[in-house]
Amino acid sequence: IAFTIGAAIPLLMVFLPFGRPVVNTAVAVVLGLFLTGWISATLGKA
């Protein structure tokens, strides 16, 4: 479930009706990585 949820973020960007897939994916991935990094650090009290 965790892998599928994460993988859906860049995959869904391909189907956006605007922009370029590479740019859309890059933006979404950076935001997703920011969020997972923040959460993992918070859980580990780091």
All heavy atoms as atom14 arrays in JSON, in Angstrom:
{
  "sequence": "IAFTIGAAIPLLMVFLPFGRPVVNTAVAVVLGLFLTGWISATLGKA",
  "atom14_mask": [
    [1, 1, 1, 1, 1, 1, 1, 1, 0, 0, 0, 0, 0, 0],
    [1, 1, 1, 1, 1, 0, 0, 0, 0, 0, 0, 0, 0, 0],
    [1, 1, 1, 1, 1, 1, 1, 1, 1, 1, 1, 0, 0, 0],
    [1, 1, 1, 1, 1, 1, 1, 0, 0, 0, 0, 0, 0, 0],
    [1, 1, 1, 1, 1, 1, 1, 1, 0, 0, 0, 0, 0, 0],
    [1, 1, 1, 1, 0, 0, 0, 0, 0, 0, 0, 0, 0, 0],
    [1, 1, 1, 1, 1, 0, 0, 0, 0, 0, 0, 0, 0, 0],
    [1, 1, 1, 1, 1, 0, 0, 0, 0, 0, 0, 0, 0, 0],
    [1, 1, 1, 1, 1, 1, 1, 1, 0, 0, 0, 0, 0, 0],
    [1, 1, 1, 1, 1, 1, 1, 0, 0, 0, 0, 0, 0, 0],
    [1, 1, 1, 1, 1, 1, 1, 1, 0, 0, 0, 0, 0, 0],
    [1, 1, 1, 1, 1, 1, 1, 1, 0, 0, 0, 0, 0, 0],
    [1, 1, 1, 1, 1, 1, 1, 1, 0, 0, 0, 0, 0, 0],
    [1, 1, 1, 1, 1, 1, 1, 0, 0, 0, 0, 0, 0, 0],
    [1, 1, 1, 1, 1, 1, 1, 1, 1, 1, 1, 0, 0, 0],
    [1, 1, 1, 1, 1, 1, 1, 1, 0, 0, 0, 0, 0, 0],
    [1, 1, 1, 1, 1, 1, 1, 0, 0, 0, 0, 0, 0, 0],
    [1, 1, 1, 1, 1, 1, 1, 1, 1, 1, 1, 0, 0, 0],
    [1, 1, 1, 1, 0, 0, 0, 0, 0, 0, 0, 0, 0, 0],
    [1, 1, 1, 1, 1, 1, 1, 1, 1, 1, 1, 0, 0, 0],
    [1, 1, 1, 1, 1, 1, 1, 0, 0, 0, 0, 0, 0, 0],
    [1, 1, 1, 1, 1, 1, 1, 0, 0, 0, 0, 0, 0, 0],
    [1, 1, 1, 1, 1, 1, 1, 0, 0, 0, 0, 0, 0, 0],
    [1, 1, 1, 1, 1, 1, 1, 1, 0, 0, 0, 0, 0, 0],
    [1, 1, 1, 1, 1, 1, 1, 0, 0, 0, 0, 0, 0, 0],
    [1, 1, 1, 1, 1, 0, 0, 0, 0, 0, 0, 0, 0, 0],
    [1, 1, 1, 1, 1, 1, 1, 0, 0, 0, 0, 0, 0, 0],
    [1, 1, 1, 1, 1, 0, 0, 0, 0, 0, 0, 0, 0, 0],
    [1, 1, 1, 1, 1, 1, 1, 0, 0, 0, 0, 0, 0, 0],
    [1, 1, 1, 1, 1, 1, 1, 0, 0, 0, 0, 0, 0, 0],
    [1, 1, 1, 1, 1, 1, 1, 1, 0, 0, 0, 0, 0, 0],
    [1, 1, 1, 1, 0, 0, 0, 0, 0, 0, 0, 0, 0, 0],
    [1, 1, 1, 1, 1, 1, 1, 1, 0, 0, 0, 0, 0, 0],
    [1, 1, 1, 1, 1, 1, 1, 1, 1, 1, 1, 0, 0, 0],
    [1, 1, 1, 1, 1, 1, 1, 1, 0, 0, 0, 0, 0, 0],
    [1, 1, 1, 1, 1, 1, 1, 0, 0, 0, 0, 0, 0, 0],
    [1, 1, 1, 1, 0, 0, 0, 0, 0, 0, 0, 0, 0, 0],
    [1, 1, 1, 1, 1, 1, 1, 1, 1, 1, 1, 1, 1, 1],
    [1, 1, 1, 1, 1, 1, 1, 1, 0, 0, 0, 0, 0, 0],
    [1, 1, 1, 1, 1, 1, 0, 0, 0, 0, 0, 0, 0, 0],
    [1, 1, 1, 1, 1, 0, 0, 0, 0, 0, 0, 0, 0, 0],
    [1, 1, 1, 1, 1, 1, 1, 0, 0, 0, 0, 0, 0, 0],
    [1, 1, 1, 1, 1, 1, 1, 1, 0, 0, 0, 0, 0, 0],
    [1, 1, 1, 1, 0, 0, 0, 0, 0, 0, 0, 0, 0, 0],
    [1, 1, 1, 1, 1, 1, 1, 1, 1, 0, 0, 0, 0, 0],
    [1, 1, 1, 1, 1, 0, 0, 0, 0, 0, 0, 0, 0, 0]
  ],
  "atom14_positions": [
    [[0.83, -1.2, 0.0], [0.0, 0.0, 0.0], [0.87, 1.26, 0.0], [0.62, 2.21, -0.75], [-0.94, 0.0, 1.21], [-1.98, -1.13, 1.07], [-1.65, 1.34, 1.35], [-2.85, -1.31, 2.29], [0.0, 0.0, 0.0], [0.0, 0.0, 0.0], [0.0, 0.0, 0.0], [0.0, 0.0, 0.0], [0.0, 0.0, 0.0], [0.0, 0.0, 0.0]],
    [[1.92, 1.27, 0.83], [2.77, 2.45, 0.93], [3.47, 2.73, -0.39], [3.52, 3.88, -0.85], [3.81, 2.25, 2.04], [0.0, 0.0, 0.0], [0.0, 0.0, 0.0], [0.0, 0.0, 0.0], [0.0, 0.0, 0.0], [0.0, 0.0, 0.0], [0.0, 0.0, 0.0], [0.0, 0.0, 0.0], [0.0, 0.0, 0.0], [0.0, 0.0, 0.0]],
    [[4.01, 1.68, -1.01], [4.7, 1.87, -2.29], [3.73, 2.37, -3.35], [4.04, 3.27, -4.14], [5.33, 0.55, -2.74], [6.19, 0.67, -3.97], [7.56, 0.86, -3.86], [5.63, 0.62, -5.24], [8.36, 0.99, -4.99], [6.42, 0.74, -6.38], [7.79, 0.93, -6.24], [0.0, 0.0, 0.0], [0.0, 0.0, 0.0], [0.0, 0.0, 0.0]],
    [[2.52, 1.79, -3.4], [1.54, 2.17, -4.41], [1.12, 3.63, -4.25], [1.01, 4.36, -5.25], [0.29, 1.26, -4.31], [0.69, -0.1, -4.51], [-0.74, 1.64, -5.35], [0.0, 0.0, 0.0], [0.0, 0.0, 0.0], [0.0, 0.0, 0.0], [0.0, 0.0, 0.0], [0.0, 0.0, 0.0], [0.0, 0.0, 0.0], [0.0, 0.0, 0.0]],
    [[0.91, 4.07, -3.01], [0.52, 5.46, -2.78], [1.63, 6.4, -3.24], [1.38, 7.41, -3.92], [0.22, 5.69, -1.29], [-1.07, 4.95, -0.91], [0.07, 7.18, -0.99], [-1.37, 4.98, 0.58], [0.0, 0.0, 0.0], [0.0, 0.0, 0.0], [0.0, 0.0, 0.0], [0.0, 0.0, 0.0], [0.0, 0.0, 0.0], [0.0, 0.0, 0.0]],
    [[2.88, 6.07, -2.88], [3.99, 6.91, -3.32], [4.15, 6.92, -4.82], [4.35, 7.98, -5.44], [0.0, 0.0, 0.0], [0.0, 0.0, 0.0], [0.0, 0.0, 0.0], [0.0, 0.0, 0.0], [0.0, 0.0, 0.0], [0.0, 0.0, 0.0], [0.0, 0.0, 0.0], [0.0, 0.0, 0.0], [0.0, 0.0, 0.0], [0.0, 0.0, 0.0]],
    [[4.03, 5.75, -5.44], [4.22, 5.65, -6.89], [3.13, 6.36, -7.67], [3.35, 6.82, -8.8], [4.27, 4.17, -7.29], [0.0, 0.0, 0.0], [0.0, 0.0, 0.0], [0.0, 0.0, 0.0], [0.0, 0.0, 0.0], [0.0, 0.0, 0.0], [0.0, 0.0, 0.0], [0.0, 0.0, 0.0], [0.0, 0.0, 0.0], [0.0, 0.0, 0.0]],
    [[1.95, 6.47, -7.07], [0.84, 7.13, -7.76], [1.11, 8.61, -7.98], [0.56, 9.21, -8.92], [-0.45, 6.94, -6.97], [0.0, 0.0, 0.0], [0.0, 0.0, 0.0], [0.0, 0.0, 0.0], [0.0, 0.0, 0.0], [0.0, 0.0, 0.0], [0.0, 0.0, 0.0], [0.0, 0.0, 0.0], [0.0, 0.0, 0.0], [0.0, 0.0, 0.0]],
    [[1.96, 9.22, -7.15], [2.21, 10.67, -7.27], [2.84, 11.02, -8.61], [2.3, 11.84, -9.36], [3.08, 11.16, -6.09], [2.3, 11.04, -4.78], [3.56, 12.59, -6.31], [3.1, 11.39, -3.54], [0.0, 0.0, 0.0], [0.0, 0.0, 0.0], [0.0, 0.0, 0.0], [0.0, 0.0, 0.0], [0.0, 0.0, 0.0], [0.0, 0.0, 0.0]],
    [[3.99, 10.42, -8.99], [4.54, 10.76, -10.31], [3.71, 10.21, -11.47], [3.65, 10.81, -12.54], [5.94, 10.12, -10.28], [5.84, 9.02, -9.28], [4.88, 9.52, -8.25], [0.0, 0.0, 0.0], [0.0, 0.0, 0.0], [0.0, 0.0, 0.0], [0.0, 0.0, 0.0], [0.0, 0.0, 0.0], [0.0, 0.0, 0.0], [0.0, 0.0, 0.0]],
    [[3.06, 9.06, -11.25], [2.3, 8.46, -12.34], [1.11, 9.32, -12.74], [0.82, 9.5, -13.94], [1.83, 7.06, -11.93], [1.06, 6.27, -12.99], [1.92, 6.08, -14.25], [0.65, 4.91, -12.43], [0.0, 0.0, 0.0], [0.0, 0.0, 0.0], [0.0, 0.0, 0.0], [0.0, 0.0, 0.0], [0.0, 0.0, 0.0], [0.0, 0.0, 0.0]],
    [[0.41, 9.87, -11.76], [-0.77, 10.69, -12.07], [-0.4, 11.97, -12.82], [-1.24, 12.52, -13.55], [-1.5, 11.04, -10.77], [-2.21, 9.88, -10.07], [-2.8, 10.33, -8.74], [-3.3, 9.28, -10.96], [0.0, 0.0, 0.0], [0.0, 0.0, 0.0], [0.0, 0.0, 0.0], [0.0, 0.0, 0.0], [0.0, 0.0, 0.0], [0.0, 0.0, 0.0]],
    [[0.83, 12.43, -12.65], [1.26, 13.66, -13.34], [1.27, 13.49, -14.85], [1.15, 14.46, -15.6], [2.66, 14.08, -12.86], [2.72, 14.45, -11.39], [1.61, 15.81, -10.92], [0.28, 14.89, -10.12], [0.0, 0.0, 0.0], [0.0, 0.0, 0.0], [0.0, 0.0, 0.0], [0.0, 0.0, 0.0], [0.0, 0.0, 0.0], [0.0, 0.0, 0.0]],
    [[1.43, 12.25, -15.3], [1.47, 11.98, -16.75], [0.13, 12.33, -17.39], [0.06, 12.75, -18.56], [1.82, 10.5, -17.0], [1.75, 10.16, -18.49], [3.2, 10.2, -16.45], [0.0, 0.0, 0.0], [0.0, 0.0, 0.0], [0.0, 0.0, 0.0], [0.0, 0.0, 0.0], [0.0, 0.0, 0.0], [0.0, 0.0, 0.0], [0.0, 0.0, 0.0]],
    [[-0.95, 12.17, -16.65], [-2.29, 12.33, -17.21], [-2.84, 13.74, -17.06], [-3.98, 14.0, -17.44], [-3.25, 11.33, -16.54], [-2.85, 9.9, -16.75], [-2.2, 9.2, -15.75], [-3.11, 9.26, -17.95], [-1.82, 7.88, -15.92], [-2.74, 7.93, -18.13], [-2.1, 7.24, -17.13], [0.0, 0.0, 0.0], [0.0, 0.0, 0.0], [0.0, 0.0, 0.0]],
    [[-2.05, 14.65, -16.51], [-2.54, 16.03, -16.39], [-2.74, 16.63, -17.78], [-1.9, 16.45, -18.67], [-1.55, 16.87, -15.59], [-1.46, 16.59, -14.09], [-0.45, 17.54, -13.45], [-2.81, 16.73, -13.4], [0.0, 0.0, 0.0], [0.0, 0.0, 0.0], [0.0, 0.0, 0.0], [0.0, 0.0, 0.0], [0.0, 0.0, 0.0], [0.0, 0.0, 0.0]],
    [[-3.84, 17.36, -17.98], [-4.12, 17.91, -19.3], [-3.33, 19.18, -19.62], [-3.57, 19.81, -20.65], [-5.63, 18.21, -19.23], [-5.87, 18.51, -17.79], [-4.93, 17.61, -17.02], [0.0, 0.0, 0.0], [0.0, 0.0, 0.0], [0.0, 0.0, 0.0], [0.0, 0.0, 0.0], [0.0, 0.0, 0.0], [0.0, 0.0, 0.0], [0.0, 0.0, 0.0]],
    [[-2.42, 19.57, -18.78], [-1.65, 20.79, -19.02], [-0.19, 20.54, -18.65], [0.13, 19.6, -17.91], [-2.2, 21.96, -18.18], [-2.26, 21.66, -16.71], [-1.16, 21.84, -15.89], [-3.44, 21.18, -16.14], [-1.22, 21.56, -14.54], [-3.51, 20.9, -14.78], [-2.4, 21.09, -13.98], [0.0, 0.0, 0.0], [0.0, 0.0, 0.0], [0.0, 0.0, 0.0]],
    [[0.68, 21.38, -19.19], [2.09, 21.28, -18.87], [2.78, 20.12, -19.56], [2.19, 19.39, -20.36], [0.0, 0.0, 0.0], [0.0, 0.0, 0.0], [0.0, 0.0, 0.0], [0.0, 0.0, 0.0], [0.0, 0.0, 0.0], [0.0, 0.0, 0.0], [0.0, 0.0, 0.0], [0.0, 0.0, 0.0], [0.0, 0.0, 0.0], [0.0, 0.0, 0.0]],
    [[4.04, 19.91, -19.2], [4.84, 18.81, -19.74], [4.97, 17.72, -18.68], [5.16, 18.04, -17.49], [6.22, 19.31, -20.15], [6.19, 20.35, -21.26], [7.57, 20.92, -21.49], [8.54, 19.88, -21.76], [9.86, 20.09, -21.75], [10.34, 21.27, -21.43], [10.69, 19.09, -22.03], [0.0, 0.0, 0.0], [0.0, 0.0, 0.0], [0.0, 0.0, 0.0]],
    [[4.89, 16.44, -19.09], [4.96, 15.35, -18.11], [6.21, 15.41, -17.23], [6.13, 15.17, -16.02], [4.95, 14.1, -18.98], [4.25, 14.51, -20.22], [4.63, 15.95, -20.46], [0.0, 0.0, 0.0], [0.0, 0.0, 0.0], [0.0, 0.0, 0.0], [0.0, 0.0, 0.0], [0.0, 0.0, 0.0], [0.0, 0.0, 0.0], [0.0, 0.0, 0.0]],
    [[7.36, 15.76, -17.83], [8.6, 15.78, -17.06], [8.55, 16.87, -16.0], [8.91, 16.64, -14.83], [9.82, 15.99, -17.99], [11.07, 16.23, -17.16], [10.01, 14.79, -18.89], [0.0, 0.0, 0.0], [0.0, 0.0, 0.0], [0.0, 0.0, 0.0], [0.0, 0.0, 0.0], [0.0, 0.0, 0.0], [0.0, 0.0, 0.0], [0.0, 0.0, 0.0]],
    [[8.1, 18.04, -16.37], [8.04, 19.16, -15.42], [7.01, 18.88, -14.34], [7.27, 19.08, -13.15], [7.7, 20.47, -16.15], [7.55, 21.62, -15.15], [8.79, 20.81, -17.17], [0.0, 0.0, 0.0], [0.0, 0.0, 0.0], [0.0, 0.0, 0.0], [0.0, 0.0, 0.0], [0.0, 0.0, 0.0], [0.0, 0.0, 0.0], [0.0, 0.0, 0.0]],
    [[5.84, 18.4, -14.74], [4.79, 18.09, -13.76], [5.27, 17.05, -12.76], [5.04, 17.16, -11.55], [3.54, 17.59, -14.47], [2.87, 18.66, -15.31], [3.09, 19.85, -15.09], [2.05, 18.25, -16.26], [0.0, 0.0, 0.0], [0.0, 0.0, 0.0], [0.0, 0.0, 0.0], [0.0, 0.0, 0.0], [0.0, 0.0, 0.0], [0.0, 0.0, 0.0]],
    [[5.93, 16.02, -13.3], [6.42, 14.94, -12.44], [7.48, 15.45, -11.48], [7.48, 15.13, -10.28], [6.98, 13.79, -13.29], [5.96, 13.26, -14.11], [7.54, 12.68, -12.4], [0.0, 0.0, 0.0], [0.0, 0.0, 0.0], [0.0, 0.0, 0.0], [0.0, 0.0, 0.0], [0.0, 0.0, 0.0], [0.0, 0.0, 0.0], [0.0, 0.0, 0.0]],
    [[8.42, 16.26, -11.99], [9.51, 16.77, -11.15], [8.96, 17.6, -9.99], [9.4, 17.44, -8.84], [10.46, 17.6, -12.0], [0.0, 0.0, 0.0], [0.0, 0.0, 0.0], [0.0, 0.0, 0.0], [0.0, 0.0, 0.0], [0.0, 0.0, 0.0], [0.0, 0.0, 0.0], [0.0, 0.0, 0.0], [0.0, 0.0, 0.0], [0.0, 0.0, 0.0]],
    [[8.0, 18.47, -10.27], [7.43, 19.31, -9.22], [6.72, 18.45, -8.17], [6.91, 18.63, -6.95], [6.45, 20.33, -9.82], [5.71, 21.07, -8.71], [7.19, 21.32, -10.71], [0.0, 0.0, 0.0], [0.0, 0.0, 0.0], [0.0, 0.0, 0.0], [0.0, 0.0, 0.0], [0.0, 0.0, 0.0], [0.0, 0.0, 0.0], [0.0, 0.0, 0.0]],
    [[5.9, 17.5, -8.65], [5.16, 16.65, -7.72], [6.1, 15.79, -6.87], [5.86, 15.59, -5.67], [4.19, 15.75, -8.49], [0.0, 0.0, 0.0], [0.0, 0.0, 0.0], [0.0, 0.0, 0.0], [0.0, 0.0, 0.0], [0.0, 0.0, 0.0], [0.0, 0.0, 0.0], [0.0, 0.0, 0.0], [0.0, 0.0, 0.0], [0.0, 0.0, 0.0]],
    [[7.15, 15.29, -7.5], [8.09, 14.43, -6.78], [8.84, 15.21, -5.7], [9.03, 14.72, -4.58], [9.08, 13.77, -7.76], [10.26, 13.16, -7.02], [8.36, 12.7, -8.57], [0.0, 0.0, 0.0], [0.0, 0.0, 0.0], [0.0, 0.0, 0.0], [0.0, 0.0, 0.0], [0.0, 0.0, 0.0], [0.0, 0.0, 0.0], [0.0, 0.0, 0.0]],
    [[9.28, 16.42, -6.02], [9.98, 17.23, -5.02], [9.07, 17.5, -3.83], [9.5, 17.4, -2.66], [10.47, 18.55, -5.65], [10.94, 19.51, -4.56], [11.61, 18.28, -6.62], [0.0, 0.0, 0.0], [0.0, 0.0, 0.0], [0.0, 0.0, 0.0], [0.0, 0.0, 0.0], [0.0, 0.0, 0.0], [0.0, 0.0, 0.0], [0.0, 0.0, 0.0]],
    [[7.82, 17.82, -4.1], [6.88, 18.05, -3.01], [6.65, 16.77, -2.19], [6.6, 16.8, -0.96], [5.54, 18.55, -3.56], [5.55, 19.96, -4.16], [4.2, 20.29, -4.77], [5.92, 21.0, -3.11], [0.0, 0.0, 0.0], [0.0, 0.0, 0.0], [0.0, 0.0, 0.0], [0.0, 0.0, 0.0], [0.0, 0.0, 0.0], [0.0, 0.0, 0.0]],
    [[6.51, 15.64, -2.89], [6.31, 14.36, -2.2], [7.51, 13.98, -1.36], [7.36, 13.52, -0.22], [0.0, 0.0, 0.0], [0.0, 0.0, 0.0], [0.0, 0.0, 0.0], [0.0, 0.0, 0.0], [0.0, 0.0, 0.0], [0.0, 0.0, 0.0], [0.0, 0.0, 0.0], [0.0, 0.0, 0.0], [0.0, 0.0, 0.0], [0.0, 0.0, 0.0]],
    [[8.72, 14.19, -1.88], [9.94, 13.86, -1.14], [10.1, 14.79, 0.07], [10.58, 14.37, 1.12], [11.15, 13.97, -2.05], [11.22, 12.92, -3.17], [12.4, 13.2, -4.08], [11.34, 11.51, -2.58], [0.0, 0.0, 0.0], [0.0, 0.0, 0.0], [0.0, 0.0, 0.0], [0.0, 0.0, 0.0], [0.0, 0.0, 0.0], [0.0, 0.0, 0.0]],
    [[9.72, 16.04, -0.11], [9.74, 16.97, 1.02], [8.85, 16.45, 2.14], [9.23, 16.43, 3.31], [9.28, 18.36, 0.57], [9.25, 19.38, 1.68], [10.35, 20.19, 1.93], [8.12, 19.53, 2.49], [10.32, 21.14, 2.96], [8.09, 20.45, 3.52], [9.2, 21.26, 3.75], [0.0, 0.0, 0.0], [0.0, 0.0, 0.0], [0.0, 0.0, 0.0]],
    [[7.65, 16.01, 1.77], [6.68, 15.54, 2.76], [7.16, 14.27, 3.45], [7.1, 14.17, 4.69], [5.34, 15.3, 2.08], [4.18, 14.89, 3.0], [3.91, 15.97, 4.02], [2.92, 14.6, 2.19], [0.0, 0.0, 0.0], [0.0, 0.0, 0.0], [0.0, 0.0, 0.0], [0.0, 0.0, 0.0], [0.0, 0.0, 0.0], [0.0, 0.0, 0.0]],
    [[7.64, 13.28, 2.69], [8.09, 12.03, 3.31], [9.33, 12.25, 4.18], [9.47, 11.62, 5.23], [8.38, 10.95, 2.26], [9.34, 11.45, 1.3], [7.12, 10.54, 1.52], [0.0, 0.0, 0.0], [0.0, 0.0, 0.0], [0.0, 0.0, 0.0], [0.0, 0.0, 0.0], [0.0, 0.0, 0.0], [0.0, 0.0, 0.0], [0.0, 0.0, 0.0]],
    [[10.22, 13.13, 3.74], [11.39, 13.45, 4.56], [10.99, 14.11, 5.87], [11.52, 13.78, 6.94], [0.0, 0.0, 0.0], [0.0, 0.0, 0.0], [0.0, 0.0, 0.0], [0.0, 0.0, 0.0], [0.0, 0.0, 0.0], [0.0, 0.0, 0.0], [0.0, 0.0, 0.0], [0.0, 0.0, 0.0], [0.0, 0.0, 0.0], [0.0, 0.0, 0.0]],
    [[10.03, 15.01, 5.79], [9.54, 15.72, 6.99], [8.88, 14.74, 7.96], [9.15, 14.77, 9.17], [8.56, 16.79, 6.55], [8.0, 17.6, 7.69], [6.94, 17.28, 8.49], [8.47, 18.86, 8.17], [6.71, 18.26, 9.41], [7.64, 19.24, 9.26], [9.5, 19.72, 7.78], [7.82, 20.43, 9.94], [9.68, 20.91, 8.48], [8.85, 21.25, 9.53]],
    [[8.03, 13.86, 7.42], [7.31, 12.92, 8.29], [8.26, 11.92, 8.93], [8.18, 11.64, 10.13], [6.22, 12.17, 7.49], [5.13, 13.15, 7.04], [5.6, 11.06, 8.33], [4.1, 12.54, 6.12], [0.0, 0.0, 0.0], [0.0, 0.0, 0.0], [0.0, 0.0, 0.0], [0.0, 0.0, 0.0], [0.0, 0.0, 0.0], [0.0, 0.0, 0.0]],
    [[9.18, 11.35, 8.15], [10.1, 10.35, 8.7], [10.99, 10.96, 9.78], [11.27, 10.33, 10.81], [10.97, 9.73, 7.59], [11.76, 10.72, 6.97], [0.0, 0.0, 0.0], [0.0, 0.0, 0.0], [0.0, 0.0, 0.0], [0.0, 0.0, 0.0], [0.0, 0.0, 0.0], [0.0, 0.0, 0.0], [0.0, 0.0, 0.0], [0.0, 0.0, 0.0]],
    [[11.44, 12.2, 9.58], [12.26, 12.87, 10.59], [11.45, 13.16, 11.84], [11.93, 13.01, 12.96], [12.84, 14.16, 10.03], [0.0, 0.0, 0.0], [0.0, 0.0, 0.0], [0.0, 0.0, 0.0], [0.0, 0.0, 0.0], [0.0, 0.0, 0.0], [0.0, 0.0, 0.0], [0.0, 0.0, 0.0], [0.0, 0.0, 0.0], [0.0, 0.0, 0.0]],
    [[10.2, 13.56, 11.65], [9.33, 13.85, 12.8], [9.08, 12.59, 13.62], [9.13, 12.62, 14.85], [7.99, 14.43, 12.32], [8.23, 15.65, 11.59], [7.08, 14.73, 13.5], [0.0, 0.0, 0.0], [0.0, 0.0, 0.0], [0.0, 0.0, 0.0], [0.0, 0.0, 0.0], [0.0, 0.0, 0.0], [0.0, 0.0, 0.0], [0.0, 0.0, 0.0]],
    [[8.81, 11.47, 12.94], [8.57, 10.22, 13.65], [9.81, 9.75, 14.4], [9.72, 9.18, 15.48], [8.12, 9.14, 12.66], [6.74, 9.34, 12.03], [6.49, 8.28, 10.97], [5.65, 9.29, 13.09], [0.0, 0.0, 0.0], [0.0, 0.0, 0.0], [0.0, 0.0, 0.0], [0.0, 0.0, 0.0], [0.0, 0.0, 0.0], [0.0, 0.0, 0.0]],
    [[10.97, 9.98, 13.8], [12.21, 9.57, 14.44], [12.79, 10.61, 15.38], [13.87, 10.41, 15.95], [0.0, 0.0, 0.0], [0.0, 0.0, 0.0], [0.0, 0.0, 0.0], [0.0, 0.0, 0.0], [0.0, 0.0, 0.0], [0.0, 0.0, 0.0], [0.0, 0.0, 0.0], [0.0, 0.0, 0.0], [0.0, 0.0, 0.0], [0.0, 0.0, 0.0]],
    [[12.07, 11.74, 15.54], [12.51, 12.83, 16.42], [13.92, 13.3, 16.04], [14.76, 13.58, 16.89], [12.47, 12.4, 17.88], [11.07, 12.06, 18.37], [11.04, 11.68, 19.84], [9.62, 11.36, 20.3], [9.57, 10.96, 21.72], [0.0, 0.0, 0.0], [0.0, 0.0, 0.0], [0.0, 0.0, 0.0], [0.0, 0.0, 0.0], [0.0, 0.0, 0.0]],
    [[14.15, 13.38, 14.72], [15.43, 13.84, 14.19], [15.26, 15.23, 13.59], [14.13, 15.66, 13.32], [15.94, 12.86, 13.13], [0.0, 0.0, 0.0], [0.0, 0.0, 0.0], [0.0, 0.0, 0.0], [0.0, 0.0, 0.0], [0.0, 0.0, 0.0], [0.0, 0.0, 0.0], [0.0, 0.0, 0.0], [0.0, 0.0, 0.0], [0.0, 0.0, 0.0]]
  ]
}
